Each structure stands twice: as structure tokens, then as C-alpha cells.
N, C-alpha and C. Protein backbone atom coordinates (compact mmCIF):
# COMPACT_ATOMS: atom_id res chain seq x y z
N MET A 1 -12.40 -9.52 23.81
CA MET A 1 -13.46 -10.35 23.24
C MET A 1 -13.86 -9.82 21.87
N THR A 2 -13.83 -10.68 20.87
CA THR A 2 -14.14 -10.26 19.50
C THR A 2 -15.63 -10.07 19.33
N ALA A 3 -16.01 -8.93 18.74
CA ALA A 3 -17.43 -8.64 18.50
C ALA A 3 -17.98 -9.56 17.43
N THR A 4 -19.23 -9.99 17.60
CA THR A 4 -19.86 -10.89 16.63
C THR A 4 -21.02 -10.24 15.90
N LYS A 5 -21.43 -9.03 16.37
CA LYS A 5 -22.55 -8.36 15.72
C LYS A 5 -22.42 -6.85 15.89
N TYR A 6 -23.22 -6.12 15.13
CA TYR A 6 -23.28 -4.67 15.27
C TYR A 6 -24.71 -4.21 15.07
N GLU A 7 -24.98 -2.99 15.53
CA GLU A 7 -26.30 -2.38 15.36
C GLU A 7 -26.19 -1.18 14.44
N ILE A 8 -27.25 -0.94 13.69
CA ILE A 8 -27.41 0.35 13.01
C ILE A 8 -28.33 1.18 13.89
N ARG A 9 -27.84 2.34 14.34
CA ARG A 9 -28.60 3.18 15.25
C ARG A 9 -28.95 4.50 14.57
N LEU A 10 -30.07 5.08 15.01
CA LEU A 10 -30.57 6.33 14.44
C LEU A 10 -30.81 7.32 15.58
N CYS A 11 -30.19 8.50 15.47
CA CYS A 11 -30.33 9.52 16.51
C CYS A 11 -31.69 10.20 16.42
N GLN A 12 -32.36 10.30 17.56
CA GLN A 12 -33.68 10.94 17.62
C GLN A 12 -33.57 12.46 17.43
N SER A 13 -32.41 13.03 17.70
CA SER A 13 -32.25 14.48 17.66
C SER A 13 -31.73 15.00 16.32
N CYS A 14 -30.56 14.51 15.88
CA CYS A 14 -29.94 15.06 14.67
C CYS A 14 -30.10 14.18 13.44
N GLY A 15 -30.65 12.98 13.62
CA GLY A 15 -30.90 12.10 12.48
C GLY A 15 -29.70 11.31 11.99
N LEU A 16 -28.60 11.32 12.75
CA LEU A 16 -27.42 10.57 12.35
C LEU A 16 -27.71 9.08 12.34
N ARG A 17 -27.35 8.43 11.28
CA ARG A 17 -27.47 6.97 11.16
C ARG A 17 -26.05 6.41 11.12
N TYR A 18 -25.73 5.49 12.03
CA TYR A 18 -24.35 5.02 12.14
C TYR A 18 -24.31 3.61 12.72
N PRO A 19 -23.21 2.88 12.48
CA PRO A 19 -23.07 1.54 13.05
C PRO A 19 -22.44 1.59 14.44
N LEU A 20 -22.87 0.72 15.31
CA LEU A 20 -22.29 0.59 16.63
C LEU A 20 -21.94 -0.87 16.86
N VAL A 21 -20.65 -1.15 16.92
CA VAL A 21 -20.19 -2.52 17.10
C VAL A 21 -20.43 -2.96 18.53
N GLU A 22 -20.77 -4.21 18.69
CA GLU A 22 -21.01 -4.81 19.99
C GLU A 22 -19.84 -4.54 20.94
N ASN A 23 -20.18 -4.12 22.16
CA ASN A 23 -19.20 -3.84 23.23
C ASN A 23 -18.35 -2.59 22.99
N HIS A 24 -18.76 -1.74 22.05
CA HIS A 24 -17.99 -0.51 21.81
C HIS A 24 -18.14 0.44 22.99
N PRO A 25 -17.05 1.08 23.43
CA PRO A 25 -17.12 1.93 24.63
C PRO A 25 -17.93 3.21 24.46
N PHE A 26 -18.26 3.58 23.22
CA PHE A 26 -19.02 4.82 23.02
C PHE A 26 -20.41 4.75 23.64
N GLY A 27 -20.98 3.58 23.75
CA GLY A 27 -22.33 3.47 24.28
C GLY A 27 -23.37 3.83 23.23
N GLU A 28 -24.58 4.12 23.68
CA GLU A 28 -25.70 4.31 22.77
C GLU A 28 -26.04 5.76 22.53
N ARG A 29 -25.31 6.69 23.09
CA ARG A 29 -25.52 8.10 22.80
C ARG A 29 -24.95 8.46 21.43
N CYS A 30 -25.60 9.40 20.77
CA CYS A 30 -25.15 9.84 19.44
C CYS A 30 -23.73 10.41 19.54
N PRO A 31 -22.79 9.96 18.71
CA PRO A 31 -21.42 10.48 18.77
C PRO A 31 -21.28 11.91 18.30
N ILE A 32 -22.33 12.45 17.65
CA ILE A 32 -22.28 13.84 17.18
C ILE A 32 -22.91 14.81 18.18
N CYS A 33 -24.16 14.55 18.57
CA CYS A 33 -24.87 15.50 19.44
C CYS A 33 -25.16 14.95 20.83
N LEU A 34 -24.78 13.70 21.09
CA LEU A 34 -25.01 13.02 22.37
C LEU A 34 -26.48 12.79 22.67
N GLY A 35 -27.32 12.87 21.64
CA GLY A 35 -28.74 12.61 21.83
C GLY A 35 -29.04 11.13 21.95
N ASN A 36 -30.29 10.81 22.28
CA ASN A 36 -30.73 9.43 22.38
C ASN A 36 -30.82 8.79 21.00
N THR A 37 -30.50 7.51 20.93
CA THR A 37 -30.57 6.80 19.65
C THR A 37 -31.41 5.55 19.79
N ASP A 38 -31.95 5.10 18.66
CA ASP A 38 -32.73 3.87 18.61
C ASP A 38 -32.02 2.86 17.71
N THR A 39 -32.19 1.59 18.02
CA THR A 39 -31.66 0.53 17.17
C THR A 39 -32.56 0.34 15.97
N VAL A 40 -32.02 0.48 14.78
CA VAL A 40 -32.79 0.29 13.55
C VAL A 40 -32.74 -1.17 13.13
N LEU A 41 -31.56 -1.75 13.25
CA LEU A 41 -31.42 -3.18 12.95
C LEU A 41 -30.15 -3.70 13.62
N THR A 42 -30.12 -5.01 13.79
CA THR A 42 -28.94 -5.70 14.31
C THR A 42 -28.46 -6.69 13.26
N HIS A 43 -27.14 -6.74 13.07
CA HIS A 43 -26.61 -7.56 11.99
C HIS A 43 -25.33 -8.26 12.46
N PRO A 44 -25.14 -9.52 12.08
CA PRO A 44 -23.89 -10.21 12.46
C PRO A 44 -22.70 -9.65 11.69
N ILE A 45 -21.54 -9.70 12.32
CA ILE A 45 -20.30 -9.32 11.63
C ILE A 45 -19.81 -10.53 10.86
N THR A 46 -19.69 -10.36 9.55
CA THR A 46 -19.27 -11.46 8.69
C THR A 46 -17.77 -11.69 8.83
N PRO A 47 -17.35 -12.92 9.17
CA PRO A 47 -15.92 -13.20 9.27
C PRO A 47 -15.23 -12.96 7.93
N GLU A 48 -13.96 -12.56 8.00
CA GLU A 48 -13.21 -12.37 6.77
C GLU A 48 -13.05 -13.71 6.07
N PRO A 49 -13.34 -13.76 4.75
CA PRO A 49 -13.17 -15.02 4.02
C PRO A 49 -11.70 -15.34 3.83
N ALA A 50 -11.42 -16.61 3.56
CA ALA A 50 -10.04 -17.00 3.27
C ALA A 50 -9.59 -16.29 2.00
N SER A 51 -8.37 -15.78 2.02
CA SER A 51 -7.88 -15.02 0.88
C SER A 51 -7.54 -15.95 -0.27
N LEU A 52 -7.71 -15.43 -1.48
CA LEU A 52 -7.37 -16.18 -2.68
C LEU A 52 -6.04 -15.65 -3.19
N PRO A 53 -5.04 -16.52 -3.37
CA PRO A 53 -3.73 -16.04 -3.80
C PRO A 53 -3.75 -15.46 -5.20
N ILE A 54 -2.93 -14.44 -5.43
CA ILE A 54 -2.76 -13.90 -6.77
C ILE A 54 -1.99 -14.91 -7.60
N GLU A 55 -2.49 -15.23 -8.77
CA GLU A 55 -1.83 -16.19 -9.62
C GLU A 55 -0.72 -15.48 -10.40
N THR A 56 0.49 -15.59 -9.90
CA THR A 56 1.62 -14.92 -10.54
C THR A 56 2.90 -15.67 -10.21
N ASN A 57 3.83 -15.63 -11.16
CA ASN A 57 5.15 -16.20 -10.94
C ASN A 57 6.15 -15.11 -10.57
N LEU A 58 5.67 -13.88 -10.42
CA LEU A 58 6.56 -12.76 -10.16
C LEU A 58 6.93 -12.69 -8.69
N HIS A 59 8.14 -12.22 -8.44
CA HIS A 59 8.64 -12.06 -7.08
C HIS A 59 8.88 -10.58 -6.85
N LEU A 60 8.23 -10.02 -5.84
CA LEU A 60 8.36 -8.59 -5.59
C LEU A 60 8.71 -8.33 -4.13
N GLU A 61 9.71 -7.49 -3.93
CA GLU A 61 10.06 -6.95 -2.62
C GLU A 61 9.95 -5.44 -2.73
N ALA A 62 10.12 -4.73 -1.62
CA ALA A 62 10.03 -3.27 -1.67
C ALA A 62 11.04 -2.64 -0.74
N LEU A 63 11.62 -1.57 -1.19
CA LEU A 63 12.57 -0.79 -0.40
C LEU A 63 11.91 0.54 -0.06
N LEU A 64 11.76 0.82 1.23
CA LEU A 64 11.14 2.06 1.68
C LEU A 64 12.25 3.02 2.08
N ASP A 65 12.48 4.03 1.25
CA ASP A 65 13.59 4.95 1.43
C ASP A 65 13.16 6.16 2.26
N ASN A 66 13.39 6.09 3.58
CA ASN A 66 13.13 7.21 4.48
C ASN A 66 11.68 7.68 4.48
N ILE A 67 10.77 6.72 4.63
CA ILE A 67 9.35 7.05 4.83
C ILE A 67 9.20 7.57 6.25
N ARG A 68 8.58 8.73 6.42
CA ARG A 68 8.50 9.36 7.74
C ARG A 68 7.41 8.77 8.63
N SER A 69 6.25 8.54 8.06
CA SER A 69 5.05 8.25 8.85
C SER A 69 4.94 6.77 9.23
N ALA A 70 4.83 6.51 10.52
CA ALA A 70 4.61 5.14 10.98
C ALA A 70 3.26 4.61 10.49
N TRP A 71 2.28 5.48 10.39
CA TRP A 71 0.97 5.06 9.89
C TRP A 71 1.07 4.61 8.44
N ASN A 72 1.82 5.36 7.62
CA ASN A 72 2.03 4.94 6.23
C ASN A 72 2.75 3.60 6.17
N VAL A 73 3.77 3.44 7.00
CA VAL A 73 4.51 2.19 7.00
C VAL A 73 3.62 1.03 7.43
N GLY A 74 2.81 1.24 8.46
CA GLY A 74 1.88 0.19 8.88
C GLY A 74 0.92 -0.19 7.77
N SER A 75 0.41 0.81 7.06
CA SER A 75 -0.51 0.53 5.95
C SER A 75 0.20 -0.21 4.83
N ILE A 76 1.47 0.14 4.58
CA ILE A 76 2.24 -0.57 3.55
C ILE A 76 2.43 -2.03 3.95
N PHE A 77 2.68 -2.29 5.23
CA PHE A 77 2.78 -3.69 5.69
C PHE A 77 1.48 -4.44 5.38
N ARG A 78 0.35 -3.82 5.69
CA ARG A 78 -0.93 -4.49 5.47
C ARG A 78 -1.17 -4.74 3.98
N THR A 79 -0.86 -3.74 3.15
CA THR A 79 -1.03 -3.89 1.71
C THR A 79 -0.07 -4.94 1.17
N ALA A 80 1.17 -4.92 1.66
CA ALA A 80 2.15 -5.91 1.21
C ALA A 80 1.69 -7.33 1.51
N ASP A 81 1.12 -7.53 2.69
CA ASP A 81 0.59 -8.84 3.06
C ASP A 81 -0.52 -9.26 2.10
N GLY A 82 -1.44 -8.34 1.82
CA GLY A 82 -2.57 -8.67 0.96
C GLY A 82 -2.17 -8.98 -0.47
N LEU A 83 -1.11 -8.33 -0.96
CA LEU A 83 -0.70 -8.51 -2.35
C LEU A 83 0.32 -9.62 -2.53
N GLY A 84 0.95 -10.06 -1.44
CA GLY A 84 1.96 -11.09 -1.57
C GLY A 84 3.35 -10.56 -1.80
N VAL A 85 3.61 -9.29 -1.43
CA VAL A 85 4.97 -8.76 -1.47
C VAL A 85 5.78 -9.52 -0.42
N SER A 86 6.91 -10.09 -0.80
CA SER A 86 7.58 -11.04 0.06
C SER A 86 8.43 -10.42 1.16
N LYS A 87 8.93 -9.19 0.94
CA LYS A 87 9.79 -8.59 1.95
C LYS A 87 9.82 -7.08 1.81
N LEU A 88 9.93 -6.39 2.95
CA LEU A 88 10.08 -4.95 2.97
C LEU A 88 11.44 -4.61 3.57
N TYR A 89 12.16 -3.71 2.92
CA TYR A 89 13.41 -3.18 3.44
C TYR A 89 13.12 -1.78 3.99
N LEU A 90 13.28 -1.60 5.28
CA LEU A 90 12.97 -0.34 5.95
C LEU A 90 14.27 0.42 6.15
N CYS A 91 14.40 1.58 5.50
CA CYS A 91 15.70 2.24 5.43
C CYS A 91 15.67 3.64 6.03
N GLY A 92 16.83 4.04 6.58
CA GLY A 92 16.98 5.40 7.09
C GLY A 92 16.05 5.68 8.26
N ILE A 93 15.22 6.71 8.14
CA ILE A 93 14.30 7.10 9.22
C ILE A 93 12.99 6.34 9.17
N THR A 94 12.85 5.41 8.23
CA THR A 94 11.62 4.62 8.16
C THR A 94 11.42 3.85 9.47
N PRO A 95 10.30 4.05 10.16
CA PRO A 95 10.09 3.34 11.43
C PRO A 95 9.93 1.84 11.22
N THR A 96 10.36 1.07 12.19
CA THR A 96 10.26 -0.38 12.15
C THR A 96 9.12 -0.84 13.06
N PRO A 97 8.72 -2.11 13.00
CA PRO A 97 7.58 -2.57 13.79
C PRO A 97 7.72 -2.43 15.30
N GLU A 98 8.91 -2.09 15.80
CA GLU A 98 9.01 -1.80 17.23
C GLU A 98 8.25 -0.51 17.59
N ASN A 99 7.95 0.30 16.60
CA ASN A 99 7.19 1.54 16.80
C ASN A 99 5.71 1.19 16.99
N ASP A 100 5.17 1.52 18.15
CA ASP A 100 3.78 1.15 18.47
C ASP A 100 2.77 1.69 17.47
N SER A 101 3.06 2.84 16.85
CA SER A 101 2.10 3.46 15.92
C SER A 101 1.87 2.61 14.68
N ILE A 102 2.81 1.76 14.34
CA ILE A 102 2.64 0.91 13.17
C ILE A 102 1.46 -0.03 13.36
N TYR A 103 1.26 -0.50 14.58
CA TYR A 103 0.20 -1.47 14.84
C TYR A 103 -1.20 -0.95 14.50
N LYS A 104 -1.38 0.37 14.56
CA LYS A 104 -2.71 0.95 14.33
C LYS A 104 -3.18 0.73 12.90
N THR A 105 -2.25 0.63 11.95
CA THR A 105 -2.65 0.46 10.56
C THR A 105 -2.18 -0.86 9.95
N SER A 106 -1.20 -1.52 10.57
CA SER A 106 -0.72 -2.79 10.00
C SER A 106 -1.66 -3.95 10.32
N LEU A 107 -2.36 -3.85 11.44
CA LEU A 107 -3.29 -4.90 11.87
C LEU A 107 -2.64 -6.28 11.90
N GLY A 108 -1.39 -6.32 12.36
CA GLY A 108 -0.71 -7.59 12.52
C GLY A 108 0.09 -8.05 11.31
N ALA A 109 0.07 -7.29 10.22
CA ALA A 109 0.77 -7.72 9.01
C ALA A 109 2.28 -7.73 9.18
N GLU A 110 2.77 -6.99 10.18
CA GLU A 110 4.22 -7.01 10.42
C GLU A 110 4.68 -8.39 10.90
N GLU A 111 3.73 -9.24 11.29
CA GLU A 111 4.06 -10.61 11.71
C GLU A 111 4.11 -11.57 10.53
N THR A 112 3.56 -11.17 9.39
CA THR A 112 3.48 -12.08 8.25
C THR A 112 4.34 -11.66 7.07
N VAL A 113 4.79 -10.41 7.05
CA VAL A 113 5.65 -9.93 5.97
C VAL A 113 7.08 -9.80 6.51
N ALA A 114 8.02 -10.45 5.85
CA ALA A 114 9.42 -10.36 6.27
C ALA A 114 9.92 -8.92 6.09
N TRP A 115 10.81 -8.49 6.99
CA TRP A 115 11.36 -7.14 6.86
C TRP A 115 12.79 -7.12 7.37
N GLU A 116 13.49 -6.10 6.92
CA GLU A 116 14.89 -5.91 7.31
C GLU A 116 15.15 -4.41 7.41
N TYR A 117 15.89 -3.99 8.42
CA TYR A 117 16.22 -2.57 8.56
C TYR A 117 17.63 -2.31 8.04
N ALA A 118 17.80 -1.19 7.33
CA ALA A 118 19.12 -0.76 6.87
C ALA A 118 19.22 0.75 7.07
N PRO A 119 20.26 1.23 7.75
CA PRO A 119 20.38 2.67 7.98
C PRO A 119 20.69 3.47 6.72
N ASN A 120 21.30 2.82 5.72
CA ASN A 120 21.71 3.51 4.51
C ASN A 120 21.07 2.84 3.30
N ALA A 121 20.04 3.49 2.73
CA ALA A 121 19.30 2.88 1.62
C ALA A 121 20.16 2.72 0.38
N LEU A 122 21.08 3.64 0.16
CA LEU A 122 21.94 3.55 -1.02
C LEU A 122 22.83 2.31 -0.95
N GLU A 123 23.44 2.08 0.21
CA GLU A 123 24.28 0.90 0.36
C GLU A 123 23.47 -0.38 0.18
N LEU A 124 22.24 -0.38 0.70
CA LEU A 124 21.38 -1.55 0.53
C LEU A 124 21.04 -1.75 -0.94
N ALA A 125 20.71 -0.67 -1.64
CA ALA A 125 20.37 -0.77 -3.06
C ALA A 125 21.52 -1.37 -3.86
N ILE A 126 22.74 -0.94 -3.55
CA ILE A 126 23.92 -1.48 -4.23
C ILE A 126 24.04 -2.98 -3.95
N ARG A 127 23.82 -3.36 -2.70
CA ARG A 127 23.91 -4.79 -2.32
C ARG A 127 22.85 -5.61 -3.05
N LEU A 128 21.65 -5.08 -3.18
CA LEU A 128 20.59 -5.79 -3.87
C LEU A 128 20.91 -5.95 -5.35
N LYS A 129 21.48 -4.92 -5.94
CA LYS A 129 21.87 -5.01 -7.35
C LYS A 129 22.93 -6.10 -7.56
N VAL A 130 23.88 -6.17 -6.64
CA VAL A 130 24.95 -7.17 -6.75
C VAL A 130 24.38 -8.58 -6.72
N THR A 131 23.30 -8.78 -5.95
CA THR A 131 22.70 -10.11 -5.85
C THR A 131 21.76 -10.42 -7.01
N GLY A 132 21.65 -9.49 -7.97
CA GLY A 132 20.84 -9.74 -9.16
C GLY A 132 19.45 -9.17 -9.15
N CYS A 133 19.12 -8.35 -8.15
CA CYS A 133 17.78 -7.76 -8.09
C CYS A 133 17.61 -6.68 -9.15
N ILE A 134 16.40 -6.54 -9.63
CA ILE A 134 16.01 -5.46 -10.53
C ILE A 134 15.34 -4.38 -9.68
N LEU A 135 15.87 -3.17 -9.71
CA LEU A 135 15.30 -2.08 -8.93
C LEU A 135 14.38 -1.25 -9.81
N ILE A 136 13.15 -1.07 -9.35
CA ILE A 136 12.16 -0.27 -10.07
C ILE A 136 11.68 0.83 -9.13
N ALA A 137 12.03 2.07 -9.45
CA ALA A 137 11.68 3.19 -8.58
C ALA A 137 10.34 3.79 -8.99
N LEU A 138 9.52 4.09 -8.01
CA LEU A 138 8.27 4.80 -8.24
C LEU A 138 8.53 6.28 -7.96
N GLU A 139 8.61 7.08 -9.02
CA GLU A 139 9.01 8.47 -8.86
C GLU A 139 8.56 9.28 -10.08
N ARG A 140 8.19 10.53 -9.83
CA ARG A 140 7.89 11.43 -10.94
C ARG A 140 9.22 11.97 -11.47
N ASP A 141 9.57 11.53 -12.65
CA ASP A 141 10.87 11.83 -13.23
C ASP A 141 10.70 11.85 -14.75
N GLU A 142 11.49 12.65 -15.43
CA GLU A 142 11.35 12.74 -16.88
C GLU A 142 11.65 11.42 -17.58
N ARG A 143 12.36 10.52 -16.90
CA ARG A 143 12.66 9.21 -17.47
C ARG A 143 11.59 8.17 -17.15
N ALA A 144 10.63 8.52 -16.33
CA ALA A 144 9.64 7.54 -15.85
C ALA A 144 8.66 7.15 -16.94
N VAL A 145 8.28 5.87 -16.92
CA VAL A 145 7.23 5.36 -17.79
C VAL A 145 6.04 4.99 -16.91
N PRO A 146 4.83 4.92 -17.46
CA PRO A 146 3.69 4.47 -16.65
C PRO A 146 3.97 3.09 -16.05
N VAL A 147 3.50 2.87 -14.83
CA VAL A 147 3.82 1.63 -14.14
C VAL A 147 3.32 0.41 -14.90
N ALA A 148 2.30 0.58 -15.73
CA ALA A 148 1.82 -0.54 -16.54
C ALA A 148 2.72 -0.80 -17.74
N GLY A 149 3.76 0.02 -17.92
CA GLY A 149 4.62 -0.13 -19.08
C GLY A 149 6.02 -0.60 -18.74
N VAL A 150 6.19 -1.30 -17.64
CA VAL A 150 7.51 -1.83 -17.26
C VAL A 150 8.00 -2.79 -18.35
N SER A 151 9.27 -2.71 -18.65
CA SER A 151 9.86 -3.52 -19.72
C SER A 151 9.58 -5.00 -19.53
N VAL A 152 9.18 -5.66 -20.60
CA VAL A 152 8.88 -7.09 -20.54
C VAL A 152 10.12 -7.90 -20.16
N ALA A 153 11.30 -7.35 -20.43
CA ALA A 153 12.54 -8.06 -20.11
C ALA A 153 12.74 -8.21 -18.61
N LEU A 154 12.03 -7.41 -17.81
CA LEU A 154 12.19 -7.46 -16.36
C LEU A 154 11.18 -8.39 -15.69
N ARG A 155 10.30 -8.98 -16.46
CA ARG A 155 9.15 -9.68 -15.89
C ARG A 155 9.52 -10.82 -14.95
N ASP A 156 10.47 -11.64 -15.35
CA ASP A 156 10.79 -12.84 -14.57
C ASP A 156 11.94 -12.64 -13.59
N LYS A 157 12.33 -11.42 -13.37
CA LYS A 157 13.44 -11.14 -12.46
C LYS A 157 12.93 -10.94 -11.03
N ARG A 158 13.86 -10.94 -10.09
CA ARG A 158 13.54 -10.60 -8.71
C ARG A 158 13.47 -9.08 -8.61
N GLN A 159 12.26 -8.56 -8.50
CA GLN A 159 12.04 -7.12 -8.57
C GLN A 159 11.97 -6.52 -7.16
N VAL A 160 12.53 -5.32 -7.03
CA VAL A 160 12.43 -4.55 -5.79
C VAL A 160 11.84 -3.20 -6.14
N LEU A 161 10.66 -2.92 -5.63
CA LEU A 161 10.00 -1.64 -5.85
C LEU A 161 10.53 -0.64 -4.84
N VAL A 162 11.07 0.47 -5.32
CA VAL A 162 11.67 1.48 -4.45
C VAL A 162 10.67 2.64 -4.27
N ILE A 163 10.32 2.90 -3.01
CA ILE A 163 9.38 3.97 -2.66
C ILE A 163 10.13 5.01 -1.84
N GLY A 164 10.00 6.29 -2.19
CA GLY A 164 10.77 7.32 -1.54
C GLY A 164 10.03 8.11 -0.48
N ASN A 165 10.74 9.03 0.13
CA ASN A 165 10.22 9.91 1.18
C ASN A 165 9.00 10.69 0.69
N GLU A 166 8.06 10.93 1.61
CA GLU A 166 6.80 11.60 1.27
C GLU A 166 7.01 12.99 0.66
N VAL A 167 8.10 13.67 1.00
CA VAL A 167 8.35 15.02 0.49
C VAL A 167 9.43 15.04 -0.58
N SER A 168 10.58 14.44 -0.28
CA SER A 168 11.73 14.55 -1.18
C SER A 168 11.82 13.42 -2.21
N GLY A 169 11.03 12.38 -2.04
CA GLY A 169 11.04 11.29 -3.01
C GLY A 169 12.21 10.34 -2.83
N VAL A 170 12.55 9.63 -3.89
CA VAL A 170 13.63 8.65 -3.86
C VAL A 170 14.98 9.36 -3.94
N ASP A 171 15.94 8.93 -3.15
CA ASP A 171 17.30 9.46 -3.17
C ASP A 171 17.81 9.46 -4.62
N PRO A 172 18.31 10.62 -5.12
CA PRO A 172 18.78 10.70 -6.51
C PRO A 172 19.83 9.66 -6.87
N GLU A 173 20.72 9.31 -5.94
CA GLU A 173 21.75 8.32 -6.25
C GLU A 173 21.16 6.92 -6.37
N ILE A 174 20.07 6.67 -5.64
CA ILE A 174 19.38 5.38 -5.81
C ILE A 174 18.68 5.35 -7.16
N LEU A 175 18.11 6.48 -7.56
CA LEU A 175 17.45 6.53 -8.88
C LEU A 175 18.41 6.14 -9.99
N GLU A 176 19.65 6.59 -9.88
CA GLU A 176 20.64 6.28 -10.91
C GLU A 176 20.96 4.80 -10.97
N LEU A 177 20.73 4.09 -9.88
CA LEU A 177 20.98 2.64 -9.85
C LEU A 177 19.82 1.84 -10.42
N CYS A 178 18.65 2.45 -10.49
CA CYS A 178 17.45 1.70 -10.83
C CYS A 178 17.44 1.29 -12.30
N ASP A 179 16.91 0.09 -12.54
CA ASP A 179 16.79 -0.42 -13.90
C ASP A 179 15.64 0.24 -14.65
N GLN A 180 14.65 0.70 -13.90
CA GLN A 180 13.53 1.40 -14.52
C GLN A 180 12.91 2.34 -13.49
N ILE A 181 12.39 3.45 -13.99
CA ILE A 181 11.66 4.40 -13.15
C ILE A 181 10.23 4.46 -13.68
N VAL A 182 9.28 4.34 -12.79
CA VAL A 182 7.87 4.32 -13.21
C VAL A 182 7.09 5.40 -12.45
N HIS A 183 5.96 5.76 -13.02
CA HIS A 183 5.05 6.69 -12.34
C HIS A 183 3.62 6.21 -12.54
N ILE A 184 2.72 6.74 -11.73
CA ILE A 184 1.29 6.43 -11.85
C ILE A 184 0.61 7.63 -12.52
N PRO A 185 0.07 7.48 -13.72
CA PRO A 185 -0.60 8.60 -14.38
C PRO A 185 -1.75 9.13 -13.52
N MET A 186 -1.82 10.45 -13.39
CA MET A 186 -2.84 11.08 -12.56
C MET A 186 -3.92 11.71 -13.45
N GLN A 187 -5.17 11.62 -13.01
CA GLN A 187 -6.27 12.17 -13.78
C GLN A 187 -6.78 13.51 -13.25
N GLY A 188 -6.49 13.81 -11.99
CA GLY A 188 -7.02 15.03 -11.38
C GLY A 188 -5.99 16.14 -11.31
N LYS A 189 -6.19 17.06 -10.39
CA LYS A 189 -5.30 18.20 -10.24
C LYS A 189 -4.07 17.88 -9.39
N LYS A 190 -4.17 16.88 -8.53
CA LYS A 190 -3.05 16.51 -7.68
C LYS A 190 -2.01 15.76 -8.51
N ARG A 191 -0.74 15.92 -8.14
CA ARG A 191 0.36 15.33 -8.90
C ARG A 191 0.76 13.95 -8.39
N SER A 192 0.26 13.56 -7.22
CA SER A 192 0.68 12.27 -6.68
C SER A 192 -0.34 11.76 -5.68
N PHE A 193 -0.28 10.45 -5.39
CA PHE A 193 -1.09 9.82 -4.36
C PHE A 193 -0.34 9.81 -3.04
N ASN A 194 -1.06 9.55 -1.97
CA ASN A 194 -0.43 9.22 -0.70
C ASN A 194 0.52 8.05 -0.92
N VAL A 195 1.64 8.03 -0.21
CA VAL A 195 2.68 7.04 -0.47
C VAL A 195 2.17 5.62 -0.32
N GLU A 196 1.28 5.37 0.63
CA GLU A 196 0.78 4.00 0.80
C GLU A 196 -0.14 3.62 -0.35
N VAL A 197 -0.98 4.56 -0.80
CA VAL A 197 -1.86 4.29 -1.94
C VAL A 197 -1.02 4.03 -3.19
N ALA A 198 0.00 4.87 -3.39
CA ALA A 198 0.87 4.70 -4.55
C ALA A 198 1.58 3.34 -4.51
N PHE A 199 2.04 2.95 -3.33
CA PHE A 199 2.68 1.64 -3.18
C PHE A 199 1.72 0.53 -3.61
N GLY A 200 0.48 0.59 -3.14
CA GLY A 200 -0.49 -0.45 -3.45
C GLY A 200 -0.76 -0.55 -4.94
N ILE A 201 -0.94 0.60 -5.61
CA ILE A 201 -1.21 0.59 -7.05
C ILE A 201 -0.03 0.00 -7.81
N ALA A 202 1.18 0.47 -7.47
CA ALA A 202 2.37 0.01 -8.20
C ALA A 202 2.64 -1.46 -7.95
N ALA A 203 2.55 -1.90 -6.69
CA ALA A 203 2.81 -3.30 -6.37
C ALA A 203 1.80 -4.22 -7.03
N TYR A 204 0.54 -3.83 -7.02
CA TYR A 204 -0.49 -4.65 -7.66
C TYR A 204 -0.22 -4.78 -9.16
N SER A 205 0.13 -3.66 -9.77
CA SER A 205 0.40 -3.67 -11.20
C SER A 205 1.59 -4.57 -11.54
N LEU A 206 2.66 -4.46 -10.77
CA LEU A 206 3.85 -5.27 -11.04
C LEU A 206 3.60 -6.76 -10.79
N LEU A 207 2.87 -7.07 -9.72
CA LEU A 207 2.63 -8.47 -9.38
C LEU A 207 1.65 -9.16 -10.34
N ASN A 208 0.83 -8.36 -10.98
CA ASN A 208 -0.13 -8.94 -11.92
C ASN A 208 0.40 -8.93 -13.34
N GLY A 209 1.66 -8.52 -13.52
CA GLY A 209 2.28 -8.60 -14.83
C GLY A 209 1.67 -7.68 -15.85
N LYS A 210 1.12 -6.53 -15.39
CA LYS A 210 0.54 -5.58 -16.34
C LYS A 210 1.67 -4.79 -16.98
N ILE A 211 2.31 -5.42 -17.97
CA ILE A 211 3.47 -4.82 -18.59
C ILE A 211 3.32 -4.84 -20.10
N ALA A 212 4.07 -4.01 -20.74
CA ALA A 212 3.98 -3.90 -22.19
C ALA A 212 5.28 -4.33 -22.84
N ASP A 213 5.20 -4.80 -24.07
CA ASP A 213 6.42 -5.15 -24.81
C ASP A 213 7.19 -3.89 -25.17
């Protein structure tokens, strides 16, 4: 049964203020100290509004080269659905939607985003190139340009964003096949984002045509 409302509750003991969704199994005890809580307010859960399509003529697919985490893959499915990425190629050890863990983060997006499994990402990349696809790898590489600086000549092509393994990155032989290598400029001390976050930033940028001459 889908919840239609939630409460904001306040713990009498530790002062924790938190939301409690209708019919949640936790009950009314504080989740931190198990103390008694009071209802501060009750509020309806607002249904998700109808999504507004991104206005773009660009076509984007993505190749996931040996992504280890099912949770990351599930999140990529959800992000791909939201952005309008038309297809995901799940390669090597990348888990497919038969893996139950994907459901925890995909929230059903595996039903709306087309996908295909390939055991060998390099062979798939070669096949995609033969069919006229433009491969754009997201990787920290001396040849990489900022993702907002993808060549204008690639704008109207069928683009495939290549995302690599969380530790080893994109297969070097696939990198050599790519028409362009891009990176996301970092402002802090860390050198990279989580793979799902990086996918979302790069896909959004490519689909919105944020490119330079």
C-alpha cells in the first residue's frame, strides 16, 4: 500500500527531529535512542509531477565497461531514465537487472531504459564504431578535454558515452577507439566523482549540447 502522508516527529529524550512515513515498520520510537516521540506535524506526500522532456536532438547511449557495483548500476539506470539516455550496454562484470541489488537504486528504471549485455566491451565498442557511433570516453587522461568542450563536429552524431571500472577506469584499448576523451574538472581535493555521479554530470552535459567550437 502506497503511503499518502508522513509525520514530523520529535524525540522527547534526545531531541531528534525526523520524518516518519505512514505505515513505516519503525514505529514511533526514536530511531536513535528509542525514546518516546511526539508528532510535530502531519503532511501529505506530494505525488511526483509529470516529467518535462529535455529539449534536444541529441542521441546518447552509454557503455558501462566492467562496473563492479550493482548499486552504481542501478543508480545509472535511474539517472539514464531521467535524462533520456536511450540505451545502456552492460559489459564484462557489470551486473544486469537480473541482479536483485539493482532494484534498490534503479527504482524500476530498468523497465524503461533499453539495455544489452556484452561479455567483451572491446568487441562491442568495435561493433558500435562500425555502425557509425561516436565513442566518447569519460576518463582522466592527458588527452581529455572538459566534458563541456566536446567537439562541435560530434554534436549531431549517435553518441555513446563510455564509463569505466570504478578502480581501473576505461579499458586502454577502448580508449584508443574513442573519438574523444573527456573529463569533469574537479574543484576540491578529490580527483574524481563516484561513477554514477560522474555519469550523470557527463550525460547531462552531452544531452544538453554544452559544447564548444
